[in-house]
Amino acid sequence: MLEFGANDAGSGEGPGTYVKDGTEATFMADVVEASREQPVIVDFWAPWCGPCKTLGPALEAAVEKARGKVRMVKIDVDQNPRLVQMLAQQGLPMQSIPTVVGFVGGQIADMFQGAVPPGQIDAFIDALVRTGGSGGLEEALEAAEEMLDGGAAADAAQTFAAIAAEDPASARAHAGLIRAHLAMGEADRAQALLDALPGDVANAPEVEAARAQLALAGQAAAAGPVAELLARVEADPDDRQARFDLATALEASGDRAGAVDQLLELFRRDREWNDGAAKAQLLTIFEAAGPKDPVALAGRRRLGSMILI
């Protein structure tokens, strides 16, 4: 594993204190886990990419200027195609480079594509630093999450709402407020809050996860009886609709692992059925579950392996 300060083959300049090269093998440690301690910027680039030759050195200079408030990892997309493919399958737009992604707390916090002026780079870094060091608001967010996990949805909603009022750009606060109303059975209110969000917040990963949970909640209302659907699938394993409906019913009943198993089996049997409905539903479940959910993590790996076959 390369250490921070190792030579950066992409910049054409000398080694930087806060910049390093990354690979598929080091991505989890260098980016996801490291971002739990401080923000990490990932520059997806390639040697043949003209804009990358302009953006890369500018990014490195800005990171060095921040003097340890952020770190930077450079990923050569030509040398790490499997990593790029897996990230794209999980919803990260990787169709063009350079793509620059900011990670905070193990999750994507912000991103941009293409070469941008130095002022925009500085603003991008400043926003990541603010997100990664929110002080008392961060503690309040953690407390609200604990309330929600503990079943005190109404108290959590009040706390999330107060945080969102103080920091309107906090996607985590808005997402938490949506999830709290959903937990209280107020799907219409949750949808109204979601619809009212500005675009920059509405597209944040935390809000996307809340949106996925809202979508699954809507499906749950129309889910059929698990036993009846299971009997249909056992009677005819090739009944695609019955298997999809069974997965929906299992997710609605709280059996996420069972739902993922059924959808993966449906994908294995017919990945193109109903315009790829099995894969789309799997991605919705993974998004709703969050990046740390063990069932979602295992499901993503299994789906990725099946796609690459």
C-alpha atoms as a PDB file:
ATOM      1  CA  MET A   1       0.000   0.000   0.000  1.00  0.00           C
ATOM      2  CA  LEU A   2       1.318   3.423  -0.899  1.00  0.00           C
ATOM      3  CA  GLU A   3       1.696   5.954   1.872  1.00  0.00           C
ATOM      4  CA  PHE A   4       0.683   9.597   1.727  1.00  0.00           C
ATOM      5  CA  GLY A   5       3.598  11.462   0.253  1.00  0.00           C
ATOM      6  CA  ALA A   6       4.394   8.669  -2.254  1.00  0.00           C
ATOM      7  CA  ASN A   7       5.165   9.624  -5.818  1.00  0.00           C
ATOM      8  CA  ASP A   8       2.165  10.691  -7.875  1.00  0.00           C
ATOM      9  CA  ALA A   9       2.554   9.478 -11.431  1.00  0.00           C
ATOM     10  CA  GLY A  10      -0.424  11.472 -12.630  1.00  0.00           C
ATOM     11  CA  SER A  11       0.634  15.013 -11.860  1.00  0.00           C
ATOM     12  CA  GLY A  12       4.014  15.264 -13.435  1.00  0.00           C
ATOM     13  CA  GLU A  13       5.136  17.155 -10.336  1.00  0.00           C
ATOM     14  CA  GLY A  14       7.013  16.103  -7.198  1.00  0.00           C
ATOM     15  CA  PRO A  15       5.433  14.060  -4.420  1.00  0.00           C
ATOM     16  CA  GLY A  16       2.870  15.779  -2.228  1.00  0.00           C
ATOM     17  CA  THR A  17       2.375  15.441   1.481  1.00  0.00           C
ATOM     18  CA  TYR A  18      -1.376  14.904   1.275  1.00  0.00           C
ATOM     19  CA  VAL A  19      -1.701  13.199  -2.138  1.00  0.00           C
ATOM     20  CA  LYS A  20      -1.275   9.550  -3.043  1.00  0.00           C
ATOM     21  CA  ASP A  21      -2.079   7.066  -5.792  1.00  0.00           C
ATOM     22  CA  GLY A  22      -4.820   4.521  -5.106  1.00  0.00           C
ATOM     23  CA  THR A  23      -5.957   1.201  -6.516  1.00  0.00           C
ATOM     24  CA  GLU A  24      -8.932  -1.119  -6.273  1.00  0.00           C
ATOM     25  CA  ALA A  25      -7.105  -3.048  -3.547  1.00  0.00           C
ATOM     26  CA  THR A  26      -6.515   0.051  -1.397  1.00  0.00           C
ATOM     27  CA  PHE A  27      -9.748   1.924  -2.113  1.00  0.00           C
ATOM     28  CA  MET A  28     -11.636   0.857   1.008  1.00  0.00           C
ATOM     29  CA  ALA A  29      -8.756   1.741   3.330  1.00  0.00           C
ATOM     30  CA  ASP A  30      -7.474   4.831   1.515  1.00  0.00           C
ATOM     31  CA  VAL A  31     -10.842   6.379   0.757  1.00  0.00           C
ATOM     32  CA  VAL A  32     -13.866   4.947   2.547  1.00  0.00           C
ATOM     33  CA  GLU A  33     -12.276   4.206   5.920  1.00  0.00           C
ATOM     34  CA  ALA A  34      -9.882   7.165   5.832  1.00  0.00           C
ATOM     35  CA  SER A  35     -12.758   9.559   5.176  1.00  0.00           C
ATOM     36  CA  ARG A  36     -14.200   8.664   8.561  1.00  0.00           C
ATOM     37  CA  GLU A  37     -11.259  10.559  10.057  1.00  0.00           C
ATOM     38  CA  GLN A  38     -11.062  13.465   7.582  1.00  0.00           C
ATOM     39  CA  PRO A  39     -12.451  14.321   4.117  1.00  0.00           C
ATOM     40  CA  VAL A  40     -10.873  12.475   1.184  1.00  0.00           C
ATOM     41  CA  ILE A  41     -10.980  13.702  -2.413  1.00  0.00           C
ATOM     42  CA  VAL A  42     -10.731  11.079  -5.162  1.00  0.00           C
ATOM     43  CA  ASP A  43      -9.554  12.142  -8.619  1.00  0.00           C
ATOM     44  CA  PHE A  44     -10.521   9.598 -11.288  1.00  0.00           C
ATOM     45  CA  TRP A  45      -8.189  10.315 -14.203  1.00  0.00           C
ATOM     46  CA  ALA A  46      -6.300   8.730 -17.126  1.00  0.00           C
ATOM     47  CA  PRO A  47      -2.943   9.534 -18.781  1.00  0.00           C
ATOM     48  CA  TRP A  48      -4.610  10.212 -22.156  1.00  0.00           C
ATOM     49  CA  CYS A  49      -7.185  12.654 -20.715  1.00  0.00           C
ATOM     50  CA  GLY A  50      -6.375  16.272 -21.636  1.00  0.00           C
ATOM     51  CA  PRO A  51      -8.550  17.979 -18.978  1.00  0.00           C
ATOM     52  CA  CYS A  52      -7.052  15.643 -16.364  1.00  0.00           C
ATOM     53  CA  LYS A  53      -3.605  17.107 -17.032  1.00  0.00           C
ATOM     54  CA  THR A  54      -4.972  20.541 -16.154  1.00  0.00           C
ATOM     55  CA  LEU A  55      -7.224  19.583 -13.258  1.00  0.00           C
ATOM     56  CA  GLY A  56      -4.877  17.124 -11.519  1.00  0.00           C
ATOM     57  CA  PRO A  57      -2.092  19.588 -10.626  1.00  0.00           C
ATOM     58  CA  ALA A  58      -4.654  22.258  -9.669  1.00  0.00           C
ATOM     59  CA  LEU A  59      -6.388  19.815  -7.326  1.00  0.00           C
ATOM     60  CA  GLU A  60      -3.097  18.757  -5.774  1.00  0.00           C
ATOM     61  CA  ALA A  61      -2.062  22.360  -5.225  1.00  0.00           C
ATOM     62  CA  ALA A  62      -5.366  23.142  -3.531  1.00  0.00           C
ATOM     63  CA  VAL A  63      -5.118  20.048  -1.322  1.00  0.00           C
ATOM     64  CA  GLU A  64      -1.575  20.928  -0.326  1.00  0.00           C
ATOM     65  CA  LYS A  65      -2.706  24.481   0.436  1.00  0.00           C
ATOM     66  CA  ALA A  66      -5.380  23.071   2.786  1.00  0.00           C
ATOM     67  CA  ARG A  67      -2.482  21.612   4.843  1.00  0.00           C
ATOM     68  CA  GLY A  68      -4.017  18.433   6.104  1.00  0.00           C
ATOM     69  CA  LYS A  69      -7.676  19.405   6.278  1.00  0.00           C
ATOM     70  CA  VAL A  70      -8.307  17.023   3.364  1.00  0.00           C
ATOM     71  CA  ARG A  71      -6.462  14.168   1.689  1.00  0.00           C
ATOM     72  CA  MET A  72      -6.428  13.235  -1.988  1.00  0.00           C
ATOM     73  CA  VAL A  73      -6.297   9.859  -3.725  1.00  0.00           C
ATOM     74  CA  LYS A  74      -5.728   9.564  -7.468  1.00  0.00           C
ATOM     75  CA  ILE A  75      -7.262   6.606  -9.318  1.00  0.00           C
ATOM     76  CA  ASP A  76      -6.072   5.800 -12.833  1.00  0.00           C
ATOM     77  CA  VAL A  77      -9.255   4.475 -14.465  1.00  0.00           C
ATOM     78  CA  ASP A  78      -7.287   2.514 -17.079  1.00  0.00           C
ATOM     79  CA  GLN A  79      -5.432   0.626 -14.354  1.00  0.00           C
ATOM     80  CA  ASN A  80      -8.532   0.020 -12.223  1.00  0.00           C
ATOM     81  CA  PRO A  81     -11.416  -0.806 -14.595  1.00  0.00           C
ATOM     82  CA  ARG A  82     -13.118  -3.230 -12.212  1.00  0.00           C
ATOM     83  CA  LEU A  83     -13.277  -0.593  -9.463  1.00  0.00           C
ATOM     84  CA  VAL A  84     -14.724   1.955 -11.902  1.00  0.00           C
ATOM     85  CA  GLN A  85     -17.302  -0.554 -13.103  1.00  0.00           C
ATOM     86  CA  MET A  86     -18.361  -1.449  -9.580  1.00  0.00           C
ATOM     87  CA  LEU A  87     -18.739   2.220  -8.594  1.00  0.00           C
ATOM     88  CA  ALA A  88     -20.783   2.879 -11.723  1.00  0.00           C
ATOM     89  CA  GLN A  89     -23.048  -0.071 -10.915  1.00  0.00           C
ATOM     90  CA  GLN A  90     -23.639   1.469  -7.481  1.00  0.00           C
ATOM     91  CA  GLY A  91     -24.847   4.713  -9.030  1.00  0.00           C
ATOM     92  CA  LEU A  92     -21.716   6.867  -9.274  1.00  0.00           C
ATOM     93  CA  PRO A  93     -21.640   8.560 -12.715  1.00  0.00           C
ATOM     94  CA  MET A  94     -18.366   7.411 -14.255  1.00  0.00           C
ATOM     95  CA  GLN A  95     -19.130   8.022 -17.927  1.00  0.00           C
ATOM     96  CA  SER A  96     -16.533  10.766 -18.301  1.00  0.00           C
ATOM     97  CA  ILE A  97     -13.298  11.917 -16.709  1.00  0.00           C
ATOM     98  CA  PRO A  98     -11.978  13.689 -14.868  1.00  0.00           C
ATOM     99  CA  THR A  99     -14.488  12.841 -12.163  1.00  0.00           C
ATOM    100  CA  VAL A 100     -13.734  14.204  -8.699  1.00  0.00           C
ATOM    101  CA  VAL A 101     -15.572  12.783  -5.687  1.00  0.00           C
ATOM    102  CA  GLY A 102     -15.425  13.973  -2.081  1.00  0.00           C
ATOM    103  CA  PHE A 103     -15.909  11.387   0.673  1.00  0.00           C
ATOM    104  CA  VAL A 104     -16.832  12.305   4.256  1.00  0.00           C
ATOM    105  CA  GLY A 105     -17.688   9.812   6.986  1.00  0.00           C
ATOM    106  CA  GLY A 106     -17.359   6.857   4.620  1.00  0.00           C
ATOM    107  CA  GLN A 107     -19.905   8.246   2.172  1.00  0.00           C
ATOM    108  CA  ILE A 108     -19.974  10.415  -0.933  1.00  0.00           C
ATOM    109  CA  ALA A 109     -20.514  14.026   0.111  1.00  0.00           C
ATOM    110  CA  ASP A 110     -20.035  15.917  -3.168  1.00  0.00           C
ATOM    111  CA  MET A 111     -18.615  15.562  -6.674  1.00  0.00           C
ATOM    112  CA  PHE A 112     -17.980  17.298  -9.982  1.00  0.00           C
ATOM    113  CA  GLN A 113     -16.816  16.334 -13.464  1.00  0.00           C
ATOM    114  CA  GLY A 114     -14.540  18.081 -15.932  1.00  0.00           C
ATOM    115  CA  ALA A 115     -11.867  20.715 -15.461  1.00  0.00           C
ATOM    116  CA  VAL A 116     -13.024  23.636 -13.309  1.00  0.00           C
ATOM    117  CA  PRO A 117     -11.352  26.921 -12.320  1.00  0.00           C
ATOM    118  CA  PRO A 118      -9.235  27.173  -9.134  1.00  0.00           C
ATOM    119  CA  GLY A 119     -11.935  29.144  -7.306  1.00  0.00           C
ATOM    120  CA  GLN A 120     -14.427  26.323  -7.755  1.00  0.00           C
ATOM    121  CA  ILE A 121     -11.858  23.798  -6.530  1.00  0.00           C
ATOM    122  CA  ASP A 122     -11.264  25.869  -3.393  1.00  0.00           C
ATOM    123  CA  ALA A 123     -15.017  26.131  -2.769  1.00  0.00           C
ATOM    124  CA  PHE A 124     -15.369  22.357  -3.227  1.00  0.00           C
ATOM    125  CA  ILE A 125     -12.647  21.708  -0.646  1.00  0.00           C
ATOM    126  CA  ASP A 126     -14.026  24.291   1.792  1.00  0.00           C
ATOM    127  CA  ALA A 127     -17.463  22.652   1.630  1.00  0.00           C
ATOM    128  CA  LEU A 128     -15.969  19.220   2.327  1.00  0.00           C
ATOM    129  CA  VAL A 129     -14.021  20.568   5.290  1.00  0.00           C
ATOM    130  CA  ARG A 130     -17.173  22.155   6.722  1.00  0.00           C
ATOM    131  CA  THR A 131     -19.087  18.910   6.230  1.00  0.00           C
ATOM    132  CA  GLY A 132     -16.334  16.894   7.876  1.00  0.00           C
ATOM    133  CA  GLY A 133     -15.980  19.170  10.887  1.00  0.00           C
ATOM    134  CA  SER A 134     -19.461  20.311  11.844  1.00  0.00           C
ATOM    135  CA  GLY A 135     -18.799  20.212  15.605  1.00  0.00           C
ATOM    136  CA  GLY A 136     -21.930  20.469  17.702  1.00  0.00           C
ATOM    137  CA  LEU A 137     -24.231  19.882  14.764  1.00  0.00           C
ATOM    138  CA  GLU A 138     -22.487  16.579  14.123  1.00  0.00           C
ATOM    139  CA  GLU A 139     -23.141  15.524  17.707  1.00  0.00           C
ATOM    140  CA  ALA A 140     -26.775  16.583  17.367  1.00  0.00           C
ATOM    141  CA  LEU A 141     -27.080  14.536  14.190  1.00  0.00           C
ATOM    142  CA  GLU A 142     -25.690  11.484  15.953  1.00  0.00           C
ATOM    143  CA  ALA A 143     -28.152  11.987  18.799  1.00  0.00           C
ATOM    144  CA  ALA A 144     -31.052  12.281  16.363  1.00  0.00           C
ATOM    145  CA  GLU A 145     -29.968   9.088  14.599  1.00  0.00           C
ATOM    146  CA  GLU A 146     -29.904   7.283  17.934  1.00  0.00           C
ATOM    147  CA  MET A 147     -33.423   8.545  18.700  1.00  0.00           C
ATOM    148  CA  LEU A 148     -34.660   7.277  15.350  1.00  0.00           C
ATOM    149  CA  ASP A 149     -32.954   3.904  15.751  1.00  0.00           C
ATOM    150  CA  GLY A 150     -34.435   3.643  19.236  1.00  0.00           C
ATOM    151  CA  GLY A 151     -37.989   4.197  18.016  1.00  0.00           C
ATOM    152  CA  ALA A 152     -38.346   7.829  19.168  1.00  0.00           C
ATOM    153  CA  ALA A 153     -39.221   9.039  15.688  1.00  0.00           C
ATOM    154  CA  ALA A 154     -41.103  12.165  16.817  1.00  0.00           C
ATOM    155  CA  ASP A 155     -38.185  13.361  18.959  1.00  0.00           C
ATOM    156  CA  ALA A 156     -35.786  12.575  16.141  1.00  0.00           C
ATOM    157  CA  ALA A 157     -37.915  14.577  13.702  1.00  0.00           C
ATOM    158  CA  GLN A 158     -37.787  17.623  15.973  1.00  0.00           C
ATOM    159  CA  THR A 159     -34.002  17.382  16.277  1.00  0.00           C
ATOM    160  CA  PHE A 160     -33.445  16.855  12.564  1.00  0.00           C
ATOM    161  CA  ALA A 161     -35.736  19.798  11.787  1.00  0.00           C
ATOM    162  CA  ALA A 162     -33.803  22.064  14.166  1.00  0.00           C
ATOM    163  CA  ILE A 163     -30.489  21.061  12.586  1.00  0.00           C
ATOM    164  CA  ALA A 164     -31.846  21.608   9.083  1.00  0.00           C
ATOM    165  CA  ALA A 165     -33.044  25.073  10.094  1.00  0.00           C
ATOM    166  CA  GLU A 166     -29.585  25.960  11.404  1.00  0.00           C
ATOM    167  CA  ASP A 167     -27.746  24.354   8.482  1.00  0.00           C
ATOM    168  CA  PRO A 168     -30.018  24.243   5.396  1.00  0.00           C
ATOM    169  CA  ALA A 169     -27.240  22.582   3.387  1.00  0.00           C
ATOM    170  CA  SER A 170     -27.091  19.561   5.717  1.00  0.00           C
ATOM    171  CA  ALA A 171     -28.285  16.724   3.518  1.00  0.00           C
ATOM    172  CA  ARG A 172     -28.014  14.353   6.455  1.00  0.00           C
ATOM    173  CA  ALA A 173     -30.432  16.444   8.528  1.00  0.00           C
ATOM    174  CA  HIS A 174     -32.987  16.648   5.705  1.00  0.00           C
ATOM    175  CA  ALA A 175     -32.673  12.937   4.995  1.00  0.00           C
ATOM    176  CA  GLY A 176     -33.097  12.127   8.671  1.00  0.00           C
ATOM    177  CA  LEU A 177     -36.217  14.285   8.858  1.00  0.00           C
ATOM    178  CA  ILE A 178     -37.700  12.444   5.879  1.00  0.00           C
ATOM    179  CA  ARG A 179     -36.891   9.056   7.422  1.00  0.00           C
ATOM    180  CA  ALA A 180     -38.347  10.124  10.772  1.00  0.00           C
ATOM    181  CA  HIS A 181     -41.692  11.061   9.199  1.00  0.00           C
ATOM    182  CA  LEU A 182     -41.621   7.814   7.263  1.00  0.00           C
ATOM    183  CA  ALA A 183     -41.082   5.926  10.528  1.00  0.00           C
ATOM    184  CA  MET A 184     -44.130   7.707  11.950  1.00  0.00           C
ATOM    185  CA  GLY A 185     -46.222   6.463   9.023  1.00  0.00           C
ATOM    186  CA  GLU A 186     -46.405   9.926   7.477  1.00  0.00           C
ATOM    187  CA  ALA A 187     -45.365   9.028   3.934  1.00  0.00           C
ATOM    188  CA  ASP A 188     -47.166  12.011   2.396  1.00  0.00           C
ATOM    189  CA  ARG A 189     -45.306  14.406   4.682  1.00  0.00           C
ATOM    190  CA  ALA A 190     -42.023  12.661   3.911  1.00  0.00           C
ATOM    191  CA  GLN A 191     -42.701  12.992   0.177  1.00  0.00           C
ATOM    192  CA  ALA A 192     -43.566  16.678   0.554  1.00  0.00           C
ATOM    193  CA  LEU A 193     -40.295  17.320   2.385  1.00  0.00           C
ATOM    194  CA  LEU A 194     -38.396  15.465  -0.311  1.00  0.00           C
ATOM    195  CA  ASP A 195     -40.096  17.401  -3.111  1.00  0.00           C
ATOM    196  CA  ALA A 196     -39.253  20.722  -1.444  1.00  0.00           C
ATOM    197  CA  LEU A 197     -35.496  20.134  -1.277  1.00  0.00           C
ATOM    198  CA  PRO A 198     -33.215  22.203  -3.542  1.00  0.00           C
ATOM    199  CA  GLY A 199     -31.346  20.296  -6.213  1.00  0.00           C
ATOM    200  CA  ASP A 200     -27.919  20.278  -4.564  1.00  0.00           C
ATOM    201  CA  VAL A 201     -29.332  18.756  -1.382  1.00  0.00           C
ATOM    202  CA  ALA A 202     -31.887  16.533  -3.126  1.00  0.00           C
ATOM    203  CA  ASN A 203     -29.136  14.718  -5.023  1.00  0.00           C
ATOM    204  CA  ALA A 204     -26.946  14.023  -1.983  1.00  0.00           C
ATOM    205  CA  PRO A 205     -26.331  10.333  -1.165  1.00  0.00           C
ATOM    206  CA  GLU A 206     -28.102  10.571   2.205  1.00  0.00           C
ATOM    207  CA  VAL A 207     -31.226  11.962   0.559  1.00  0.00           C
ATOM    208  CA  GLU A 208     -31.060   9.376  -2.206  1.00  0.00           C
ATOM    209  CA  ALA A 209     -31.124   6.703   0.506  1.00  0.00           C
ATOM    210  CA  ALA A 210     -34.195   8.320   2.084  1.00  0.00           C
ATOM    211  CA  ARG A 211     -35.827   8.497  -1.348  1.00  0.00           C
ATOM    212  CA  ALA A 212     -35.199   4.780  -1.816  1.00  0.00           C
ATOM    213  CA  GLN A 213     -36.743   4.028   1.583  1.00  0.00           C
ATOM    214  CA  LEU A 214     -39.791   6.061   0.623  1.00  0.00           C
ATOM    215  CA  ALA A 215     -40.116   4.132  -2.638  1.00  0.00           C
ATOM    216  CA  LEU A 216     -39.911   0.810  -0.813  1.00  0.00           C
ATOM    217  CA  ALA A 217     -42.506   1.991   1.697  1.00  0.00           C
ATOM    218  CA  GLY A 218     -44.883   2.740  -1.169  1.00  0.00           C
ATOM    219  CA  GLN A 219     -44.362  -0.725  -2.585  1.00  0.00           C
ATOM    220  CA  ALA A 220     -44.920  -2.295   0.829  1.00  0.00           C
ATOM    221  CA  ALA A 221     -48.444  -0.919   0.946  1.00  0.00           C
ATOM    222  CA  ALA A 222     -49.354  -3.038  -2.075  1.00  0.00           C
ATOM    223  CA  ALA A 223     -47.324  -6.132  -1.167  1.00  0.00           C
ATOM    224  CA  GLY A 224     -49.137  -9.455  -1.177  1.00  0.00           C
ATOM    225  CA  PRO A 225     -49.038 -12.240   1.437  1.00  0.00           C
ATOM    226  CA  VAL A 226     -45.596 -13.846   1.700  1.00  0.00           C
ATOM    227  CA  ALA A 227     -46.919 -17.384   2.097  1.00  0.00           C
ATOM    228  CA  GLU A 228     -49.135 -17.148  -0.963  1.00  0.00           C
ATOM    229  CA  LEU A 229     -46.383 -15.697  -3.130  1.00  0.00           C
ATOM    230  CA  LEU A 230     -43.865 -18.255  -1.884  1.00  0.00           C
ATOM    231  CA  ALA A 231     -46.259 -21.038  -2.856  1.00  0.00           C
ATOM    232  CA  ARG A 232     -46.573 -19.559  -6.359  1.00  0.00           C
ATOM    233  CA  VAL A 233     -42.807 -19.429  -6.774  1.00  0.00           C
ATOM    234  CA  GLU A 234     -42.347 -22.976  -5.495  1.00  0.00           C
ATOM    235  CA  ALA A 235     -45.032 -24.177  -7.894  1.00  0.00           C
ATOM    236  CA  ASP A 236     -43.426 -22.378 -10.845  1.00  0.00           C
ATOM    237  CA  PRO A 237     -39.829 -21.214 -10.264  1.00  0.00           C
ATOM    238  CA  ASP A 238     -39.890 -19.435 -13.655  1.00  0.00           C
ATOM    239  CA  ASP A 239     -42.811 -17.193 -12.678  1.00  0.00           C
ATOM    240  CA  ARG A 240     -40.845 -13.941 -12.811  1.00  0.00           C
ATOM    241  CA  GLN A 241     -43.626 -11.682 -11.557  1.00  0.00           C
ATOM    242  CA  ALA A 242     -44.392 -13.938  -8.613  1.00  0.00           C
ATOM    243  CA  ARG A 243     -40.728 -13.985  -7.595  1.00  0.00           C
ATOM    244  CA  PHE A 244     -40.484 -10.192  -7.890  1.00  0.00           C
ATOM    245  CA  ASP A 245     -43.678  -9.774  -5.843  1.00  0.00           C
ATOM    246  CA  LEU A 246     -42.336 -12.227  -3.261  1.00  0.00           C
ATOM    247  CA  ALA A 247     -39.184 -10.117  -2.921  1.00  0.00           C
ATOM    248  CA  THR A 248     -41.326  -7.009  -2.425  1.00  0.00           C
ATOM    249  CA  ALA A 249     -43.390  -8.745   0.250  1.00  0.00           C
ATOM    250  CA  LEU A 250     -40.282 -10.041   2.019  1.00  0.00           C
ATOM    251  CA  GLU A 251     -38.729  -6.564   2.109  1.00  0.00           C
ATOM    252  CA  ALA A 252     -42.002  -5.152   3.431  1.00  0.00           C
ATOM    253  CA  SER A 253     -42.027  -7.781   6.194  1.00  0.00           C
ATOM    254  CA  GLY A 254     -38.481  -6.877   7.240  1.00  0.00           C
ATOM    255  CA  ASP A 255     -36.753  -9.849   5.631  1.00  0.00           C
ATOM    256  CA  ARG A 256     -34.215  -7.912   3.565  1.00  0.00           C
ATOM    257  CA  ALA A 257     -31.927 -10.907   3.135  1.00  0.00           C
ATOM    258  CA  GLY A 258     -34.776 -12.976   1.739  1.00  0.00           C
ATOM    259  CA  ALA A 259     -35.769 -10.182  -0.631  1.00  0.00           C
ATOM    260  CA  VAL A 260     -32.202  -9.839  -1.918  1.00  0.00           C
ATOM    261  CA  ASP A 261     -31.920 -13.605  -2.426  1.00  0.00           C
ATOM    262  CA  GLN A 262     -35.118 -13.698  -4.501  1.00  0.00           C
ATOM    263  CA  LEU A 263     -34.091 -10.721  -6.630  1.00  0.00           C
ATOM    264  CA  LEU A 264     -30.624 -12.139  -7.260  1.00  0.00           C
ATOM    265  CA  GLU A 265     -32.206 -15.428  -8.326  1.00  0.00           C
ATOM    266  CA  LEU A 266     -34.551 -13.522 -10.645  1.00  0.00           C
ATOM    267  CA  PHE A 267     -31.566 -11.619 -12.071  1.00  0.00           C
ATOM    268  CA  ARG A 268     -29.718 -14.899 -12.599  1.00  0.00           C
ATOM    269  CA  ARG A 269     -32.655 -16.423 -14.445  1.00  0.00           C
ATOM    270  CA  ASP A 270     -33.525 -13.392 -16.582  1.00  0.00           C
ATOM    271  CA  ARG A 271     -31.577 -10.190 -16.044  1.00  0.00           C
ATOM    272  CA  GLU A 272     -33.504  -8.363 -18.795  1.00  0.00           C
ATOM    273  CA  TRP A 273     -36.985  -9.202 -17.464  1.00  0.00           C
ATOM    274  CA  ASN A 274     -39.266  -6.172 -17.249  1.00  0.00           C
ATOM    275  CA  ASP A 275     -36.506  -3.787 -18.376  1.00  0.00           C
ATOM    276  CA  GLY A 276     -34.052  -5.010 -15.758  1.00  0.00           C
ATOM    277  CA  ALA A 277     -36.497  -4.714 -12.854  1.00  0.00           C
ATOM    278  CA  ALA A 278     -34.570  -7.138 -10.628  1.00  0.00           C
ATOM    279  CA  LYS A 279     -31.344  -5.111 -10.771  1.00  0.00           C
ATOM    280  CA  ALA A 280     -33.204  -1.818 -10.327  1.00  0.00           C
ATOM    281  CA  GLN A 281     -35.020  -3.145  -7.265  1.00  0.00           C
ATOM    282  CA  LEU A 282     -31.794  -4.495  -5.809  1.00  0.00           C
ATOM    283  CA  LEU A 283     -30.126  -1.105  -6.189  1.00  0.00           C
ATOM    284  CA  THR A 284     -33.116   0.547  -4.512  1.00  0.00           C
ATOM    285  CA  ILE A 285     -32.847  -1.838  -1.559  1.00  0.00           C
ATOM    286  CA  PHE A 286     -29.076  -1.311  -1.325  1.00  0.00           C
ATOM    287  CA  GLU A 287     -29.510   2.460  -1.423  1.00  0.00           C
ATOM    288  CA  ALA A 288     -32.203   2.377   1.247  1.00  0.00           C
ATOM    289  CA  ALA A 289     -30.175   0.073   3.491  1.00  0.00           C
ATOM    290  CA  GLY A 290     -27.119   2.313   3.498  1.00  0.00           C
ATOM    291  CA  PRO A 291     -23.435   1.598   2.874  1.00  0.00           C
ATOM    292  CA  LYS A 292     -22.811  -0.251   6.165  1.00  0.00           C
ATOM    293  CA  ASP A 293     -25.685  -2.727   6.027  1.00  0.00           C
ATOM    294  CA  PRO A 294     -24.152  -6.245   5.886  1.00  0.00           C
ATOM    295  CA  VAL A 295     -26.970  -7.667   3.754  1.00  0.00           C
ATOM    296  CA  ALA A 296     -26.587  -4.834   1.244  1.00  0.00           C
ATOM    297  CA  LEU A 297     -22.804  -5.179   1.186  1.00  0.00           C
ATOM    298  CA  ALA A 298     -23.013  -8.918   0.533  1.00  0.00           C
ATOM    299  CA  GLY A 299     -25.766  -8.379  -2.027  1.00  0.00           C
ATOM    300  CA  ARG A 300     -23.712  -5.791  -3.925  1.00  0.00           C
ATOM    301  CA  ARG A 301     -20.784  -8.204  -4.110  1.00  0.00           C
ATOM    302  CA  ARG A 302     -22.977 -11.025  -5.363  1.00  0.00           C
ATOM    303  CA  LEU A 303     -24.653  -8.802  -7.940  1.00  0.00           C
ATOM    304  CA  GLY A 304     -21.286  -7.480  -9.102  1.00  0.00           C
ATOM    305  CA  SER A 305     -19.975 -11.018  -9.545  1.00  0.00           C
ATOM    306  CA  MET A 306     -23.035 -12.021 -11.558  1.00  0.00           C
ATOM    307  CA  ILE A 307     -22.749  -8.953 -13.807  1.00  0.00           C
ATOM    308  CA  LEU A 308     -19.116  -9.726 -14.575  1.00  0.00           C
ATOM    309  CA  ILE A 309     -19.864 -13.320 -15.574  1.00  0.00           C
END
